[in-house]
Amino acid sequence: MTSERPRFRLGFLTHVQGRGTDPALTYRNAQELFVVADELGFDVGWVAQHHVPLGGGLSSVWTFLAHAAARTTRIRLGTAVTVLPLEDPVRLAEDVATVDVLSGGRVELGVGSGSGDLEYAAFGRDAARRRELTSEHLDVLRRALRGEEVGAPGFRVQPAPGDFTDRIWQGVFSGGGAAYAASGGSNLLLNRAAYGHDAPTDEVQRPWADAFLAAWDRPRRPRIGLSRLVFPAKDRRTALRHIGDDVHRAALRMAEHGAFPKGLDANEALRRFHAFHGSPEEIVAALRQERVLPLATDLITQFNPAVPDHDATIRALELIATEVAPALGWSPAARDEPAPAGV
């Protein structure tokens, strides 16, 4: 399959987790993933913000991305997501603008409301107001990144922000949320799993994507970022050895909070996390049946909730970039060209 431009941009998402107790090693390994992905031609590298260890190990996402900017040359750098209600939006705009300048305009800003009551309590925010706070802070953030006065008369963030018109994303968990994101001009981020639903994730999320597109009224092309657990290996057995137990344990933890039913076996856990695993050929065949992917402008691959060893993680990235994504219509930009800002 060939065309003048790829059908979608290829990304990877890391939650910056490790199995050991050495955070320095975990962070170094995560930084290396950005370097490897940059060399492989991935278009975007994403990180997820978590202020408590459950779910991820990175709280200071913009510090991390500033370091990644210095180690890479072309890959774009994004958050999926920054937990916006816990941020001062003016201060956040300063960080975003700084990393954007340092990286040569490579930032993609994804925001969401988060999910942890403990995080909200630690930051002195009311978890019951998470949606309201997200909307309020996003309005201020947008104005700050447009170079408008915010906070006080005469105050504008520095450095002067670049054009973020098509670089702000919102993570949503409903059709109404998707339509709301479209009404504000945000791009859409869809999670790897649809929690609280028994139907397959892509069946649940396809109407959300349709609602987003139906509500879109901007002159530019709408963008949909589709996050999926994709772990290719030599064969299915090898893939399961690297991710199976982790995914099962994560599903059982999710069941304790009511996101999944209790007592799931390993196969049902993989289904609930909508996991694409096995040989590259098996994954390509499965992704061709994925109901949301035909609408996606960005495929965001991740291994979470699994934490494969570092060598297996790098090998999986190589297989995604050289075998899986090309078979679906993606091709990397030339090494001396910046990753595309849009498709």
C-alpha atoms as a PDB file:
ATOM      1  CA  MET A   1       0.000   0.000   0.000  1.00  0.00           C
ATOM      2  CA  THR A   2       1.625   3.260  -1.086  1.00  0.00           C
ATOM      3  CA  SER A   3       0.552   6.890  -1.175  1.00  0.00           C
ATOM      4  CA  GLU A   4       2.113  10.331  -1.117  1.00  0.00           C
ATOM      5  CA  ARG A   5       1.612  10.522   2.615  1.00  0.00           C
ATOM      6  CA  PRO A   6       0.965   7.872   5.299  1.00  0.00           C
ATOM      7  CA  ARG A   7      -2.620   7.146   6.203  1.00  0.00           C
ATOM      8  CA  PHE A   8      -1.828   7.827   9.843  1.00  0.00           C
ATOM      9  CA  ARG A   9       0.985   8.991  12.089  1.00  0.00           C
ATOM     10  CA  LEU A  10       2.632   6.301  14.214  1.00  0.00           C
ATOM     11  CA  GLY A  11       3.223   6.893  17.892  1.00  0.00           C
ATOM     12  CA  PHE A  12       4.207   5.034  21.006  1.00  0.00           C
ATOM     13  CA  LEU A  13       3.185   5.762  24.587  1.00  0.00           C
ATOM     14  CA  THR A  14       5.161   4.930  27.703  1.00  0.00           C
ATOM     15  CA  HIS A  15       3.913   5.099  31.269  1.00  0.00           C
ATOM     16  CA  VAL A  16       7.559   5.059  32.443  1.00  0.00           C
ATOM     17  CA  GLN A  17       7.377   1.973  34.613  1.00  0.00           C
ATOM     18  CA  GLY A  18      10.035  -0.498  35.659  1.00  0.00           C
ATOM     19  CA  ARG A  19      10.117  -3.700  37.637  1.00  0.00           C
ATOM     20  CA  GLY A  20      12.925  -2.726  39.983  1.00  0.00           C
ATOM     21  CA  THR A  21      13.311  -0.100  42.676  1.00  0.00           C
ATOM     22  CA  ASP A  22      15.792   2.055  40.749  1.00  0.00           C
ATOM     23  CA  PRO A  23      13.889   5.025  39.290  1.00  0.00           C
ATOM     24  CA  ALA A  24      17.039   6.320  37.580  1.00  0.00           C
ATOM     25  CA  LEU A  25      17.265   3.117  35.522  1.00  0.00           C
ATOM     26  CA  THR A  26      13.553   3.225  34.716  1.00  0.00           C
ATOM     27  CA  TYR A  27      13.835   6.810  33.516  1.00  0.00           C
ATOM     28  CA  ARG A  28      16.980   6.122  31.493  1.00  0.00           C
ATOM     29  CA  ASN A  29      15.311   3.183  29.791  1.00  0.00           C
ATOM     30  CA  ALA A  30      12.242   5.285  28.985  1.00  0.00           C
ATOM     31  CA  GLN A  31      14.450   8.008  27.511  1.00  0.00           C
ATOM     32  CA  GLU A  32      16.189   5.398  25.377  1.00  0.00           C
ATOM     33  CA  LEU A  33      12.821   4.387  23.952  1.00  0.00           C
ATOM     34  CA  PHE A  34      12.447   7.922  22.586  1.00  0.00           C
ATOM     35  CA  VAL A  35      15.883   7.736  20.984  1.00  0.00           C
ATOM     36  CA  VAL A  36      15.135   4.319  19.448  1.00  0.00           C
ATOM     37  CA  ALA A  37      11.700   5.419  18.244  1.00  0.00           C
ATOM     38  CA  ASP A  38      13.230   8.548  16.724  1.00  0.00           C
ATOM     39  CA  GLU A  39      15.689   6.409  14.774  1.00  0.00           C
ATOM     40  CA  LEU A  40      12.946   3.975  13.694  1.00  0.00           C
ATOM     41  CA  GLY A  41      10.846   6.801  12.254  1.00  0.00           C
ATOM     42  CA  PHE A  42       8.006   6.912  14.788  1.00  0.00           C
ATOM     43  CA  ASP A  43       6.177  10.209  14.363  1.00  0.00           C
ATOM     44  CA  VAL A  44       5.236  10.908  17.987  1.00  0.00           C
ATOM     45  CA  GLY A  45       6.429   9.744  21.400  1.00  0.00           C
ATOM     46  CA  TRP A  46       3.887  10.165  24.193  1.00  0.00           C
ATOM     47  CA  VAL A  47       4.130   9.972  27.987  1.00  0.00           C
ATOM     48  CA  ALA A  48       1.351   9.592  30.555  1.00  0.00           C
ATOM     49  CA  GLN A  49       1.275  11.624  33.759  1.00  0.00           C
ATOM     50  CA  HIS A  50       0.573   9.837  37.049  1.00  0.00           C
ATOM     51  CA  HIS A  51       1.072  11.408  40.447  1.00  0.00           C
ATOM     52  CA  VAL A  52       0.691   8.064  42.258  1.00  0.00           C
ATOM     53  CA  PRO A  53       2.498   4.849  41.232  1.00  0.00           C
ATOM     54  CA  LEU A  54      -0.602   2.872  40.236  1.00  0.00           C
ATOM     55  CA  GLY A  55      -0.770   3.141  36.462  1.00  0.00           C
ATOM     56  CA  GLY A  56       2.541   4.866  35.819  1.00  0.00           C
ATOM     57  CA  GLY A  57       5.758   6.221  37.234  1.00  0.00           C
ATOM     58  CA  LEU A  58       6.036   9.715  35.780  1.00  0.00           C
ATOM     59  CA  SER A  59       4.678  12.809  37.504  1.00  0.00           C
ATOM     60  CA  SER A  60       6.804  15.580  35.939  1.00  0.00           C
ATOM     61  CA  VAL A  61       6.057  15.006  32.267  1.00  0.00           C
ATOM     62  CA  TRP A  62       7.405  18.280  30.883  1.00  0.00           C
ATOM     63  CA  THR A  63      10.767  17.903  32.613  1.00  0.00           C
ATOM     64  CA  PHE A  64      11.005  14.431  31.093  1.00  0.00           C
ATOM     65  CA  LEU A  65      10.066  15.665  27.617  1.00  0.00           C
ATOM     66  CA  ALA A  66      12.590  18.505  27.799  1.00  0.00           C
ATOM     67  CA  HIS A  67      15.295  15.891  28.268  1.00  0.00           C
ATOM     68  CA  ALA A  68      13.855  13.792  25.438  1.00  0.00           C
ATOM     69  CA  ALA A  69      13.914  16.865  23.201  1.00  0.00           C
ATOM     70  CA  ALA A  70      17.654  17.172  23.724  1.00  0.00           C
ATOM     71  CA  ARG A  71      18.257  13.525  22.832  1.00  0.00           C
ATOM     72  CA  THR A  72      16.116  13.351  19.692  1.00  0.00           C
ATOM     73  CA  THR A  73      15.976  15.209  16.389  1.00  0.00           C
ATOM     74  CA  ARG A  74      12.663  14.661  14.633  1.00  0.00           C
ATOM     75  CA  ILE A  75      10.114  12.738  16.706  1.00  0.00           C
ATOM     76  CA  ARG A  76       7.277  14.830  18.123  1.00  0.00           C
ATOM     77  CA  LEU A  77       6.797  14.878  21.909  1.00  0.00           C
ATOM     78  CA  GLY A  78       3.402  14.603  23.551  1.00  0.00           C
ATOM     79  CA  THR A  79       1.449  13.944  26.730  1.00  0.00           C
ATOM     80  CA  ALA A  80      -1.415  11.503  26.841  1.00  0.00           C
ATOM     81  CA  VAL A  81      -2.306  12.974  29.138  1.00  0.00           C
ATOM     82  CA  THR A  82      -1.319  15.872  31.405  1.00  0.00           C
ATOM     83  CA  VAL A  83      -3.796  15.847  34.320  1.00  0.00           C
ATOM     84  CA  LEU A  84      -5.080  19.356  33.744  1.00  0.00           C
ATOM     85  CA  PRO A  85      -7.216  20.029  36.859  1.00  0.00           C
ATOM     86  CA  LEU A  86      -4.127  19.534  39.031  1.00  0.00           C
ATOM     87  CA  GLU A  87      -2.074  22.088  37.085  1.00  0.00           C
ATOM     88  CA  ASP A  88      -1.945  25.859  37.209  1.00  0.00           C
ATOM     89  CA  PRO A  89      -2.807  26.464  33.539  1.00  0.00           C
ATOM     90  CA  VAL A  90      -0.627  29.575  33.230  1.00  0.00           C
ATOM     91  CA  ARG A  91       2.355  27.783  34.735  1.00  0.00           C
ATOM     92  CA  LEU A  92       1.666  24.773  32.503  1.00  0.00           C
ATOM     93  CA  ALA A  93       1.597  27.008  29.422  1.00  0.00           C
ATOM     94  CA  GLU A  94       5.071  28.271  30.348  1.00  0.00           C
ATOM     95  CA  ASP A  95       6.414  24.712  30.526  1.00  0.00           C
ATOM     96  CA  VAL A  96       4.746  23.708  27.275  1.00  0.00           C
ATOM     97  CA  ALA A  97       6.037  26.777  25.440  1.00  0.00           C
ATOM     98  CA  THR A  98       9.555  26.208  26.777  1.00  0.00           C
ATOM     99  CA  VAL A  99       9.712  22.559  25.675  1.00  0.00           C
ATOM    100  CA  ASP A 100       8.230  23.543  22.328  1.00  0.00           C
ATOM    101  CA  VAL A 101      10.989  26.111  21.755  1.00  0.00           C
ATOM    102  CA  LEU A 102      13.720  23.713  22.918  1.00  0.00           C
ATOM    103  CA  SER A 103      12.415  20.957  20.623  1.00  0.00           C
ATOM    104  CA  GLY A 104      11.958  23.110  17.549  1.00  0.00           C
ATOM    105  CA  GLY A 105       8.159  23.090  17.663  1.00  0.00           C
ATOM    106  CA  ARG A 106       7.657  19.374  18.232  1.00  0.00           C
ATOM    107  CA  VAL A 107       5.183  19.433  21.151  1.00  0.00           C
ATOM    108  CA  GLU A 108       1.751  17.771  21.157  1.00  0.00           C
ATOM    109  CA  LEU A 109      -0.297  18.631  24.261  1.00  0.00           C
ATOM    110  CA  GLY A 110      -2.828  16.071  25.462  1.00  0.00           C
ATOM    111  CA  VAL A 111      -4.920  16.851  28.533  1.00  0.00           C
ATOM    112  CA  GLY A 112      -7.456  15.010  30.628  1.00  0.00           C
ATOM    113  CA  SER A 113      -9.120  14.996  34.015  1.00  0.00           C
ATOM    114  CA  GLY A 114      -7.314  12.021  35.569  1.00  0.00           C
ATOM    115  CA  SER A 115      -9.059   9.485  37.737  1.00  0.00           C
ATOM    116  CA  GLY A 116      -7.429   9.271  41.174  1.00  0.00           C
ATOM    117  CA  ASP A 117      -9.124  10.795  44.235  1.00  0.00           C
ATOM    118  CA  LEU A 118      -5.814  10.599  46.106  1.00  0.00           C
ATOM    119  CA  GLU A 119      -4.154  12.809  43.501  1.00  0.00           C
ATOM    120  CA  TYR A 120      -6.884  15.408  43.844  1.00  0.00           C
ATOM    121  CA  ALA A 121      -6.637  15.349  47.631  1.00  0.00           C
ATOM    122  CA  ALA A 122      -2.854  15.730  47.520  1.00  0.00           C
ATOM    123  CA  PHE A 123      -3.159  18.831  45.330  1.00  0.00           C
ATOM    124  CA  GLY A 124      -6.049  20.278  47.316  1.00  0.00           C
ATOM    125  CA  ARG A 125      -8.540  19.943  44.481  1.00  0.00           C
ATOM    126  CA  ASP A 126     -12.129  18.701  44.633  1.00  0.00           C
ATOM    127  CA  ALA A 127     -12.407  15.471  42.644  1.00  0.00           C
ATOM    128  CA  ALA A 128     -16.145  16.030  42.275  1.00  0.00           C
ATOM    129  CA  ARG A 129     -15.347  19.131  40.178  1.00  0.00           C
ATOM    130  CA  ARG A 130     -12.899  17.393  37.835  1.00  0.00           C
ATOM    131  CA  ARG A 131     -14.896  18.081  34.663  1.00  0.00           C
ATOM    132  CA  GLU A 132     -15.560  21.705  35.615  1.00  0.00           C
ATOM    133  CA  LEU A 133     -11.901  22.252  36.496  1.00  0.00           C
ATOM    134  CA  THR A 134     -10.781  20.651  33.249  1.00  0.00           C
ATOM    135  CA  SER A 135     -12.946  23.016  31.221  1.00  0.00           C
ATOM    136  CA  GLU A 136     -11.917  26.088  33.212  1.00  0.00           C
ATOM    137  CA  HIS A 137      -8.217  25.307  33.047  1.00  0.00           C
ATOM    138  CA  LEU A 138      -8.334  24.381  29.372  1.00  0.00           C
ATOM    139  CA  ASP A 139      -9.886  27.750  28.538  1.00  0.00           C
ATOM    140  CA  VAL A 140      -7.051  29.571  30.330  1.00  0.00           C
ATOM    141  CA  LEU A 141      -4.431  27.275  28.802  1.00  0.00           C
ATOM    142  CA  ARG A 142      -5.715  27.896  25.291  1.00  0.00           C
ATOM    143  CA  ARG A 143      -5.629  31.650  25.770  1.00  0.00           C
ATOM    144  CA  ALA A 144      -2.135  31.511  27.221  1.00  0.00           C
ATOM    145  CA  LEU A 145      -0.873  29.439  24.283  1.00  0.00           C
ATOM    146  CA  ARG A 146      -2.441  31.925  21.875  1.00  0.00           C
ATOM    147  CA  GLY A 147      -0.262  34.608  23.430  1.00  0.00           C
ATOM    148  CA  GLU A 148      -3.203  36.396  25.025  1.00  0.00           C
ATOM    149  CA  GLU A 149      -3.177  38.157  28.368  1.00  0.00           C
ATOM    150  CA  VAL A 150      -3.842  35.748  31.246  1.00  0.00           C
ATOM    151  CA  GLY A 151      -3.822  35.988  35.006  1.00  0.00           C
ATOM    152  CA  ALA A 152      -3.378  39.763  35.172  1.00  0.00           C
ATOM    153  CA  PRO A 153      -3.596  42.698  32.768  1.00  0.00           C
ATOM    154  CA  GLY A 154      -0.472  42.892  30.653  1.00  0.00           C
ATOM    155  CA  PHE A 155       0.798  39.396  31.512  1.00  0.00           C
ATOM    156  CA  ARG A 156       1.622  36.942  28.718  1.00  0.00           C
ATOM    157  CA  VAL A 157       3.597  33.728  29.035  1.00  0.00           C
ATOM    158  CA  GLN A 158       7.134  33.494  27.789  1.00  0.00           C
ATOM    159  CA  PRO A 159       8.657  32.307  25.614  1.00  0.00           C
ATOM    160  CA  ALA A 160       6.044  33.392  23.107  1.00  0.00           C
ATOM    161  CA  PRO A 161       4.154  30.186  22.212  1.00  0.00           C
ATOM    162  CA  GLY A 162       4.083  28.731  18.727  1.00  0.00           C
ATOM    163  CA  ASP A 163       0.851  27.925  16.948  1.00  0.00           C
ATOM    164  CA  PHE A 164      -1.049  25.311  18.990  1.00  0.00           C
ATOM    165  CA  THR A 165      -4.259  25.512  16.959  1.00  0.00           C
ATOM    166  CA  ASP A 166      -4.122  21.846  15.966  1.00  0.00           C
ATOM    167  CA  ARG A 167      -1.861  20.514  18.720  1.00  0.00           C
ATOM    168  CA  ILE A 168      -4.189  20.308  21.738  1.00  0.00           C
ATOM    169  CA  TRP A 169      -5.770  16.918  22.481  1.00  0.00           C
ATOM    170  CA  GLN A 170      -8.395  15.795  24.983  1.00  0.00           C
ATOM    171  CA  GLY A 171      -8.808  12.335  26.449  1.00  0.00           C
ATOM    172  CA  VAL A 172     -12.492  11.409  26.711  1.00  0.00           C
ATOM    173  CA  PHE A 173     -14.575   8.484  27.941  1.00  0.00           C
ATOM    174  CA  SER A 174     -17.971   9.047  26.329  1.00  0.00           C
ATOM    175  CA  GLY A 175     -19.708  10.199  23.186  1.00  0.00           C
ATOM    176  CA  GLY A 176     -20.756  13.388  24.944  1.00  0.00           C
ATOM    177  CA  GLY A 177     -17.163  14.034  25.953  1.00  0.00           C
ATOM    178  CA  ALA A 178     -16.027  13.484  22.373  1.00  0.00           C
ATOM    179  CA  ALA A 179     -18.574  15.966  21.031  1.00  0.00           C
ATOM    180  CA  TYR A 180     -17.535  18.471  23.702  1.00  0.00           C
ATOM    181  CA  ALA A 181     -13.872  18.125  22.688  1.00  0.00           C
ATOM    182  CA  ALA A 182     -14.814  18.787  19.070  1.00  0.00           C
ATOM    183  CA  SER A 183     -16.832  21.866  20.002  1.00  0.00           C
ATOM    184  CA  GLY A 184     -13.714  23.393  21.556  1.00  0.00           C
ATOM    185  CA  GLY A 185     -11.454  22.469  18.655  1.00  0.00           C
ATOM    186  CA  SER A 186      -9.471  19.810  20.532  1.00  0.00           C
ATOM    187  CA  ASN A 187      -8.180  16.681  18.860  1.00  0.00           C
ATOM    188  CA  LEU A 188      -9.532  13.421  20.269  1.00  0.00           C
ATOM    189  CA  LEU A 189      -7.590  10.896  22.352  1.00  0.00           C
ATOM    190  CA  LEU A 190      -9.129   7.469  22.901  1.00  0.00           C
ATOM    191  CA  ASN A 191      -7.839   5.150  25.612  1.00  0.00           C
ATOM    192  CA  ARG A 192      -6.595   1.603  25.004  1.00  0.00           C
ATOM    193  CA  ALA A 193      -9.534   0.108  26.952  1.00  0.00           C
ATOM    194  CA  ALA A 194     -13.165   1.058  27.545  1.00  0.00           C
ATOM    195  CA  TYR A 195     -13.596   0.618  31.274  1.00  0.00           C
ATOM    196  CA  GLY A 196     -17.001  -0.251  32.669  1.00  0.00           C
ATOM    197  CA  HIS A 197     -18.245  -1.802  29.421  1.00  0.00           C
ATOM    198  CA  ASP A 198     -18.694  -5.467  28.532  1.00  0.00           C
ATOM    199  CA  ALA A 199     -18.629  -4.963  24.762  1.00  0.00           C
ATOM    200  CA  PRO A 200     -15.303  -4.904  22.909  1.00  0.00           C
ATOM    201  CA  THR A 201     -13.462  -1.605  23.261  1.00  0.00           C
ATOM    202  CA  ASP A 202     -13.666  -0.708  19.575  1.00  0.00           C
ATOM    203  CA  GLU A 203     -17.428  -1.321  19.532  1.00  0.00           C
ATOM    204  CA  VAL A 204     -17.810   1.024  22.482  1.00  0.00           C
ATOM    205  CA  GLN A 205     -15.482   3.720  21.163  1.00  0.00           C
ATOM    206  CA  ARG A 206     -16.561   3.817  17.511  1.00  0.00           C
ATOM    207  CA  PRO A 207     -19.720   5.820  18.345  1.00  0.00           C
ATOM    208  CA  TRP A 208     -17.553   8.218  20.348  1.00  0.00           C
ATOM    209  CA  ALA A 209     -15.333   8.798  17.328  1.00  0.00           C
ATOM    210  CA  ASP A 210     -18.404   9.233  15.131  1.00  0.00           C
ATOM    211  CA  ALA A 211     -19.838  11.773  17.587  1.00  0.00           C
ATOM    212  CA  PHE A 212     -16.554  13.687  17.530  1.00  0.00           C
ATOM    213  CA  LEU A 213     -16.528  13.863  13.737  1.00  0.00           C
ATOM    214  CA  ALA A 214     -20.205  14.805  13.581  1.00  0.00           C
ATOM    215  CA  ALA A 215     -19.625  17.706  15.983  1.00  0.00           C
ATOM    216  CA  TRP A 216     -16.475  18.962  14.264  1.00  0.00           C
ATOM    217  CA  ASP A 217     -16.994  22.383  12.656  1.00  0.00           C
ATOM    218  CA  ARG A 218     -13.448  23.696  12.177  1.00  0.00           C
ATOM    219  CA  PRO A 219     -11.871  24.314   8.754  1.00  0.00           C
ATOM    220  CA  ARG A 220      -8.884  22.085   9.506  1.00  0.00           C
ATOM    221  CA  ARG A 221      -8.986  18.312   9.395  1.00  0.00           C
ATOM    222  CA  PRO A 222     -10.122  16.664  12.666  1.00  0.00           C
ATOM    223  CA  ARG A 223      -7.577  14.391  14.304  1.00  0.00           C
ATOM    224  CA  ILE A 224      -8.209  11.229  16.287  1.00  0.00           C
ATOM    225  CA  GLY A 225      -5.468   9.565  18.327  1.00  0.00           C
ATOM    226  CA  LEU A 226      -6.188   5.894  18.937  1.00  0.00           C
ATOM    227  CA  SER A 227      -4.232   4.272  21.757  1.00  0.00           C
ATOM    228  CA  ARG A 228      -3.925   0.497  21.623  1.00  0.00           C
ATOM    229  CA  LEU A 229      -1.957  -2.197  23.440  1.00  0.00           C
ATOM    230  CA  VAL A 230       0.171  -3.640  20.614  1.00  0.00           C
ATOM    231  CA  PHE A 231       2.916  -6.123  21.439  1.00  0.00           C
ATOM    232  CA  PRO A 232       4.442  -8.049  18.527  1.00  0.00           C
ATOM    233  CA  ALA A 233       6.910 -10.868  19.056  1.00  0.00           C
ATOM    234  CA  LYS A 234       8.117 -13.990  17.283  1.00  0.00           C
ATOM    235  CA  ASP A 235       4.807 -15.710  17.994  1.00  0.00           C
ATOM    236  CA  ARG A 236       1.807 -15.514  20.329  1.00  0.00           C
ATOM    237  CA  ARG A 237       3.398 -17.695  22.973  1.00  0.00           C
ATOM    238  CA  THR A 238       6.419 -15.430  23.183  1.00  0.00           C
ATOM    239  CA  ALA A 239       4.235 -12.330  23.348  1.00  0.00           C
ATOM    240  CA  LEU A 240       2.170 -13.819  26.165  1.00  0.00           C
ATOM    241  CA  ARG A 241       5.302 -14.662  28.106  1.00  0.00           C
ATOM    242  CA  HIS A 242       6.196 -10.967  28.104  1.00  0.00           C
ATOM    243  CA  ILE A 243       2.791  -9.392  28.738  1.00  0.00           C
ATOM    244  CA  GLY A 244       0.252 -12.019  29.822  1.00  0.00           C
ATOM    245  CA  ASP A 245       0.782 -12.093  33.582  1.00  0.00           C
ATOM    246  CA  ASP A 246       1.048  -8.302  33.853  1.00  0.00           C
ATOM    247  CA  VAL A 247      -2.175  -7.749  31.931  1.00  0.00           C
ATOM    248  CA  HIS A 248      -3.990 -10.336  34.036  1.00  0.00           C
ATOM    249  CA  ARG A 249      -2.813  -8.779  37.309  1.00  0.00           C
ATOM    250  CA  ALA A 250      -3.799  -5.322  36.094  1.00  0.00           C
ATOM    251  CA  ALA A 251      -7.280  -6.538  35.177  1.00  0.00           C
ATOM    252  CA  LEU A 252      -7.732  -8.031  38.625  1.00  0.00           C
ATOM    253  CA  ARG A 253      -6.689  -4.706  40.180  1.00  0.00           C
ATOM    254  CA  MET A 254      -9.145  -2.871  37.945  1.00  0.00           C
ATOM    255  CA  ALA A 255     -11.849  -5.279  39.074  1.00  0.00           C
ATOM    256  CA  GLU A 256     -11.286  -4.223  42.694  1.00  0.00           C
ATOM    257  CA  HIS A 257     -12.363  -0.696  41.683  1.00  0.00           C
ATOM    258  CA  GLY A 258     -15.323  -1.836  39.591  1.00  0.00           C
ATOM    259  CA  ALA A 259     -13.832  -1.060  36.164  1.00  0.00           C
ATOM    260  CA  PHE A 260     -13.845  -4.757  35.200  1.00  0.00           C
ATOM    261  CA  PRO A 261     -15.857  -7.719  36.555  1.00  0.00           C
ATOM    262  CA  LYS A 262     -14.194  -9.758  39.269  1.00  0.00           C
ATOM    263  CA  GLY A 263     -12.678 -13.166  38.647  1.00  0.00           C
ATOM    264  CA  LEU A 264     -11.433 -12.589  35.095  1.00  0.00           C
ATOM    265  CA  ASP A 265      -9.171 -15.233  33.626  1.00  0.00           C
ATOM    266  CA  ALA A 266      -6.079 -14.319  31.597  1.00  0.00           C
ATOM    267  CA  ASN A 267      -7.799 -14.496  28.206  1.00  0.00           C
ATOM    268  CA  GLU A 268     -10.659 -12.289  29.328  1.00  0.00           C
ATOM    269  CA  ALA A 269      -8.167  -9.832  30.798  1.00  0.00           C
ATOM    270  CA  LEU A 270      -6.461  -9.523  27.400  1.00  0.00           C
ATOM    271  CA  ARG A 271      -9.845  -8.989  25.748  1.00  0.00           C
ATOM    272  CA  ARG A 272     -10.830  -6.327  28.251  1.00  0.00           C
ATOM    273  CA  PHE A 273      -7.580  -4.476  27.557  1.00  0.00           C
ATOM    274  CA  HIS A 274      -8.207  -4.904  23.809  1.00  0.00           C
ATOM    275  CA  ALA A 275      -4.685  -6.345  23.453  1.00  0.00           C
ATOM    276  CA  PHE A 276      -3.147  -6.980  20.040  1.00  0.00           C
ATOM    277  CA  HIS A 277      -0.400  -9.535  20.600  1.00  0.00           C
ATOM    278  CA  GLY A 278       1.383 -12.282  18.738  1.00  0.00           C
ATOM    279  CA  SER A 279       3.336 -12.359  15.504  1.00  0.00           C
ATOM    280  CA  PRO A 280       3.328  -9.226  13.340  1.00  0.00           C
ATOM    281  CA  GLU A 281       1.107 -11.033  10.822  1.00  0.00           C
ATOM    282  CA  GLU A 282      -1.444 -11.906  13.529  1.00  0.00           C
ATOM    283  CA  ILE A 283      -1.488  -8.338  14.814  1.00  0.00           C
ATOM    284  CA  VAL A 284      -1.897  -6.847  11.339  1.00  0.00           C
ATOM    285  CA  ALA A 285      -4.829  -9.160  10.642  1.00  0.00           C
ATOM    286  CA  ALA A 286      -6.471  -8.191  13.948  1.00  0.00           C
ATOM    287  CA  LEU A 287      -5.887  -4.449  13.494  1.00  0.00           C
ATOM    288  CA  ARG A 288      -7.477  -4.606  10.060  1.00  0.00           C
ATOM    289  CA  GLN A 289     -10.686  -5.585  11.878  1.00  0.00           C
ATOM    290  CA  GLU A 290     -10.361  -2.777  14.451  1.00  0.00           C
ATOM    291  CA  ARG A 291     -13.468  -0.585  14.155  1.00  0.00           C
ATOM    292  CA  VAL A 292     -11.983   2.771  15.154  1.00  0.00           C
ATOM    293  CA  LEU A 293      -8.658   2.548  13.339  1.00  0.00           C
ATOM    294  CA  PRO A 294     -10.107   3.534   9.920  1.00  0.00           C
ATOM    295  CA  LEU A 295     -11.015   6.925  11.454  1.00  0.00           C
ATOM    296  CA  ALA A 296      -7.724   7.463  13.269  1.00  0.00           C
ATOM    297  CA  THR A 297      -5.131   9.974  12.154  1.00  0.00           C
ATOM    298  CA  ASP A 298      -2.721   8.754  14.857  1.00  0.00           C
ATOM    299  CA  LEU A 299      -2.126   5.170  15.978  1.00  0.00           C
ATOM    300  CA  ILE A 300      -0.578   5.290  19.460  1.00  0.00           C
ATOM    301  CA  THR A 301       0.905   1.946  20.429  1.00  0.00           C
ATOM    302  CA  GLN A 302       1.680   1.072  24.017  1.00  0.00           C
ATOM    303  CA  PHE A 303       2.589  -1.941  26.146  1.00  0.00           C
ATOM    304  CA  ASN A 304       1.018  -0.813  29.435  1.00  0.00           C
ATOM    305  CA  PRO A 305      -0.250  -2.348  31.682  1.00  0.00           C
ATOM    306  CA  ALA A 306       2.493  -4.826  30.823  1.00  0.00           C
ATOM    307  CA  VAL A 307       6.064  -3.986  31.759  1.00  0.00           C
ATOM    308  CA  PRO A 308       8.204  -6.079  29.394  1.00  0.00           C
ATOM    309  CA  ASP A 309      11.935  -6.183  29.946  1.00  0.00           C
ATOM    310  CA  HIS A 310      13.844  -3.462  28.155  1.00  0.00           C
ATOM    311  CA  ASP A 311      15.261  -5.585  25.344  1.00  0.00           C
ATOM    312  CA  ALA A 312      11.837  -7.048  24.564  1.00  0.00           C
ATOM    313  CA  THR A 313      10.343  -3.561  24.561  1.00  0.00           C
ATOM    314  CA  ILE A 314      12.880  -2.294  22.018  1.00  0.00           C
ATOM    315  CA  ARG A 315      12.360  -5.372  19.842  1.00  0.00           C
ATOM    316  CA  ALA A 316       8.601  -4.797  19.913  1.00  0.00           C
ATOM    317  CA  LEU A 317       9.082  -1.175  18.818  1.00  0.00           C
ATOM    318  CA  GLU A 318      11.257  -2.393  15.942  1.00  0.00           C
ATOM    319  CA  LEU A 319       8.594  -4.875  14.803  1.00  0.00           C
ATOM    320  CA  ILE A 320       5.867  -2.220  15.012  1.00  0.00           C
ATOM    321  CA  ALA A 321       7.876   0.214  12.873  1.00  0.00           C
ATOM    322  CA  THR A 322       9.212  -2.288  10.335  1.00  0.00           C
ATOM    323  CA  GLU A 323       6.426  -4.856   9.960  1.00  0.00           C
ATOM    324  CA  VAL A 324       3.129  -3.983  11.641  1.00  0.00           C
ATOM    325  CA  ALA A 325       2.587  -0.308  10.788  1.00  0.00           C
ATOM    326  CA  PRO A 326       3.878  -0.509   7.180  1.00  0.00           C
ATOM    327  CA  ALA A 327       1.439  -3.334   6.476  1.00  0.00           C
ATOM    328  CA  LEU A 328      -1.370  -0.996   7.587  1.00  0.00           C
ATOM    329  CA  GLY A 329      -0.342   1.839   5.270  1.00  0.00           C
ATOM    330  CA  TRP A 330       2.200   3.771   7.331  1.00  0.00           C
ATOM    331  CA  SER A 331       5.632   4.773   6.160  1.00  0.00           C
ATOM    332  CA  PRO A 332       8.295   6.758   8.034  1.00  0.00           C
ATOM    333  CA  ALA A 333       9.483  10.172   6.969  1.00  0.00           C
ATOM    334  CA  ALA A 334      13.075  10.454   5.835  1.00  0.00           C
ATOM    335  CA  ARG A 335      15.553  10.566   8.709  1.00  0.00           C
ATOM    336  CA  ASP A 336      16.525  14.155   7.944  1.00  0.00           C
ATOM    337  CA  GLU A 337      12.892  15.332   7.835  1.00  0.00           C
ATOM    338  CA  PRO A 338      10.879  16.345  10.903  1.00  0.00           C
ATOM    339  CA  ALA A 339       7.955  14.141  11.833  1.00  0.00           C
ATOM    340  CA  PRO A 340       4.739  15.499  10.313  1.00  0.00           C
ATOM    341  CA  ALA A 341       2.708  17.896  12.415  1.00  0.00           C
ATOM    342  CA  GLY A 342      -0.463  16.413  10.947  1.00  0.00           C
ATOM    343  CA  VAL A 343      -1.697  13.937   8.373  1.00  0.00           C
END
